[in-house]
Amino acid sequence: MGAATPTLAPVEVDRPEAEEDVTPDIPWIVIVWDDPVNLMTYVVMVFQKLFGFSRAEATRLMLDVHYRGKAVVSSGTREKAEFDVARLHAHGLWATMQQDR
C-alpha cells in the first residue's frame, strides 16, 4: 500500500474591517524663506550644490526668496522633504516643509 496523501485544510483570511485608504499620496514641498544673514551668492551656490540646479535656475529661485520672501525648491515624499530641509538647515538656510495642497 502507498503512502497516504495529506489533505490540506482551507485557509481562512480575515477581511479588513475598514476600507483601505486609497487616496494618492499628496506630495510635500520644501520652502526656503528669506533671512537677513545669508548672501545671495551663497544661497545660489547652496541651491546648485544640493539640488543640481543650473546657475540660472538657482539664481531665479534665490531672487524669489529675496523679493517674494520664499521659494519652493523641492517636492516629493515626506521623507525626501525631511531630508532636504535637514540639508538646507545644515547649510544655514531657513527651510520648512508642508503638504502641497
C-alpha atoms as a PDB file:
ATOM      1  CA  MET A   1       0.000   0.000   0.000  1.00  0.00           C
ATOM      2  CA  GLY A   2       1.284   3.524  -0.879  1.00  0.00           C
ATOM      3  CA  ALA A   3       1.699   6.500   1.442  1.00  0.00           C
ATOM      4  CA  ALA A   4      -1.418   8.451   2.124  1.00  0.00           C
ATOM      5  CA  THR A   5      -1.601  11.877   0.505  1.00  0.00           C
ATOM      6  CA  PRO A   6      -2.046  14.576   3.138  1.00  0.00           C
ATOM      7  CA  THR A   7      -5.098  16.732   2.807  1.00  0.00           C
ATOM      8  CA  LEU A   8      -4.819  20.485   3.188  1.00  0.00           C
ATOM      9  CA  ALA A   9      -7.320  22.411   5.256  1.00  0.00           C
ATOM     10  CA  PRO A  10      -8.649  25.586   3.654  1.00  0.00           C
ATOM     11  CA  VAL A  11      -7.010  28.788   4.873  1.00  0.00           C
ATOM     12  CA  GLU A  12      -9.271  31.494   6.202  1.00  0.00           C
ATOM     13  CA  VAL A  13      -8.285  35.068   5.523  1.00  0.00           C
ATOM     14  CA  ASP A  14      -9.778  37.835   7.607  1.00  0.00           C
ATOM     15  CA  ARG A  15     -11.123  40.729   5.629  1.00  0.00           C
ATOM     16  CA  PRO A  16     -10.099  44.185   6.834  1.00  0.00           C
ATOM     17  CA  GLU A  17     -12.759  45.789   8.984  1.00  0.00           C
ATOM     18  CA  ALA A  18     -12.359  49.219   7.424  1.00  0.00           C
ATOM     19  CA  GLU A  19     -11.790  50.244   3.847  1.00  0.00           C
ATOM     20  CA  GLU A  20      -8.169  50.869   2.996  1.00  0.00           C
ATOM     21  CA  ASP A  21      -7.166  54.452   2.288  1.00  0.00           C
ATOM     22  CA  VAL A  22      -6.614  54.514  -1.456  1.00  0.00           C
ATOM     23  CA  THR A  23      -6.210  58.267  -1.857  1.00  0.00           C
ATOM     24  CA  PRO A  24      -2.977  59.151  -3.599  1.00  0.00           C
ATOM     25  CA  ASP A  25      -0.118  60.475  -1.518  1.00  0.00           C
ATOM     26  CA  ILE A  26      -0.128  64.272  -1.558  1.00  0.00           C
ATOM     27  CA  PRO A  27       3.395  65.443  -2.311  1.00  0.00           C
ATOM     28  CA  TRP A  28       5.353  67.539   0.162  1.00  0.00           C
ATOM     29  CA  ILE A  29       7.112  70.759  -0.794  1.00  0.00           C
ATOM     30  CA  VAL A  30      10.223  72.343   0.689  1.00  0.00           C
ATOM     31  CA  ILE A  31      10.153  76.107   1.104  1.00  0.00           C
ATOM     32  CA  VAL A  32      13.211  78.286   1.657  1.00  0.00           C
ATOM     33  CA  TRP A  33      12.452  81.555   3.463  1.00  0.00           C
ATOM     34  CA  ASP A  34      14.225  84.884   3.263  1.00  0.00           C
ATOM     35  CA  ASP A  35      16.663  85.704   6.030  1.00  0.00           C
ATOM     36  CA  PRO A  36      18.896  88.701   6.751  1.00  0.00           C
ATOM     37  CA  VAL A  37      22.021  86.585   7.195  1.00  0.00           C
ATOM     38  CA  ASN A  38      22.986  84.700   4.049  1.00  0.00           C
ATOM     39  CA  LEU A  39      24.450  86.361   0.981  1.00  0.00           C
ATOM     40  CA  MET A  40      22.631  85.925  -2.319  1.00  0.00           C
ATOM     41  CA  THR A  41      25.680  84.299  -3.918  1.00  0.00           C
ATOM     42  CA  TYR A  42      25.842  81.768  -1.075  1.00  0.00           C
ATOM     43  CA  VAL A  43      22.151  80.843  -1.484  1.00  0.00           C
ATOM     44  CA  VAL A  44      22.683  80.327  -5.235  1.00  0.00           C
ATOM     45  CA  MET A  45      25.672  78.076  -4.510  1.00  0.00           C
ATOM     46  CA  VAL A  46      23.686  76.014  -1.963  1.00  0.00           C
ATOM     47  CA  PHE A  47      20.780  75.539  -4.398  1.00  0.00           C
ATOM     48  CA  GLN A  48      23.190  74.377  -7.096  1.00  0.00           C
ATOM     49  CA  LYS A  49      25.083  72.066  -4.752  1.00  0.00           C
ATOM     50  CA  LEU A  50      22.093  70.436  -3.029  1.00  0.00           C
ATOM     51  CA  PHE A  51      19.580  70.238  -5.872  1.00  0.00           C
ATOM     52  CA  GLY A  52      21.702  70.335  -9.027  1.00  0.00           C
ATOM     53  CA  PHE A  53      20.027  73.475 -10.352  1.00  0.00           C
ATOM     54  CA  SER A  54      21.702  75.373 -13.148  1.00  0.00           C
ATOM     55  CA  ARG A  55      23.150  78.730 -12.145  1.00  0.00           C
ATOM     56  CA  ALA A  56      20.245  80.490 -13.891  1.00  0.00           C
ATOM     57  CA  GLU A  57      17.576  78.401 -12.097  1.00  0.00           C
ATOM     58  CA  ALA A  58      19.320  78.728  -8.728  1.00  0.00           C
ATOM     59  CA  THR A  59      19.528  82.493  -9.246  1.00  0.00           C
ATOM     60  CA  ARG A  60      15.824  82.697 -10.167  1.00  0.00           C
ATOM     61  CA  LEU A  61      14.878  80.786  -7.000  1.00  0.00           C
ATOM     62  CA  MET A  62      17.188  82.920  -4.855  1.00  0.00           C
ATOM     63  CA  LEU A  63      15.552  86.075  -6.267  1.00  0.00           C
ATOM     64  CA  ASP A  64      12.123  84.640  -5.385  1.00  0.00           C
ATOM     65  CA  VAL A  65      13.378  84.126  -1.830  1.00  0.00           C
ATOM     66  CA  HIS A  66      14.822  87.639  -1.724  1.00  0.00           C
ATOM     67  CA  TYR A  67      11.924  89.585  -3.285  1.00  0.00           C
ATOM     68  CA  ARG A  68       8.898  87.383  -2.516  1.00  0.00           C
ATOM     69  CA  GLY A  69      10.125  86.084   0.829  1.00  0.00           C
ATOM     70  CA  LYS A  70      10.159  82.409  -0.121  1.00  0.00           C
ATOM     71  CA  ALA A  71      10.616  79.852  -2.891  1.00  0.00           C
ATOM     72  CA  VAL A  72       9.735  76.194  -3.348  1.00  0.00           C
ATOM     73  CA  VAL A  73      12.970  74.336  -4.054  1.00  0.00           C
ATOM     74  CA  SER A  74      11.957  70.675  -3.791  1.00  0.00           C
ATOM     75  CA  SER A  75       8.951  68.354  -3.743  1.00  0.00           C
ATOM     76  CA  GLY A  76       8.301  64.670  -3.235  1.00  0.00           C
ATOM     77  CA  THR A  77       7.654  62.232  -0.434  1.00  0.00           C
ATOM     78  CA  ARG A  78       7.610  63.292   3.194  1.00  0.00           C
ATOM     79  CA  GLU A  79      10.922  61.508   3.768  1.00  0.00           C
ATOM     80  CA  LYS A  80      12.573  63.341   0.858  1.00  0.00           C
ATOM     81  CA  ALA A  81      11.234  66.687   2.114  1.00  0.00           C
ATOM     82  CA  GLU A  82      12.532  65.998   5.631  1.00  0.00           C
ATOM     83  CA  PHE A  83      15.934  65.113   4.179  1.00  0.00           C
ATOM     84  CA  ASP A  84      16.060  68.258   2.025  1.00  0.00           C
ATOM     85  CA  VAL A  85      15.021  70.502   4.946  1.00  0.00           C
ATOM     86  CA  ALA A  86      17.757  68.975   7.107  1.00  0.00           C
ATOM     87  CA  ARG A  87      20.361  69.581   4.375  1.00  0.00           C
ATOM     88  CA  LEU A  88      19.248  73.200   3.969  1.00  0.00           C
ATOM     89  CA  HIS A  89      19.408  73.723   7.744  1.00  0.00           C
ATOM     90  CA  ALA A  90      22.911  72.235   7.771  1.00  0.00           C
ATOM     91  CA  HIS A  91      23.882  74.942   5.269  1.00  0.00           C
ATOM     92  CA  GLY A  92      22.374  77.687   7.433  1.00  0.00           C
ATOM     93  CA  LEU A  93      19.220  78.344   5.392  1.00  0.00           C
ATOM     94  CA  TRP A  94      15.752  78.697   6.884  1.00  0.00           C
ATOM     95  CA  ALA A  95      13.551  75.994   5.336  1.00  0.00           C
ATOM     96  CA  THR A  96      10.238  74.356   6.146  1.00  0.00           C
ATOM     97  CA  MET A  97       8.076  71.693   4.556  1.00  0.00           C
ATOM     98  CA  GLN A  98       4.348  71.284   4.031  1.00  0.00           C
ATOM     99  CA  GLN A  99       1.959  69.191   2.030  1.00  0.00           C
ATOM    100  CA  ASP A 100       1.268  70.682  -1.398  1.00  0.00           C
ATOM    101  CA  ARG A 101      -2.451  71.290  -1.402  1.00  0.00           C
END
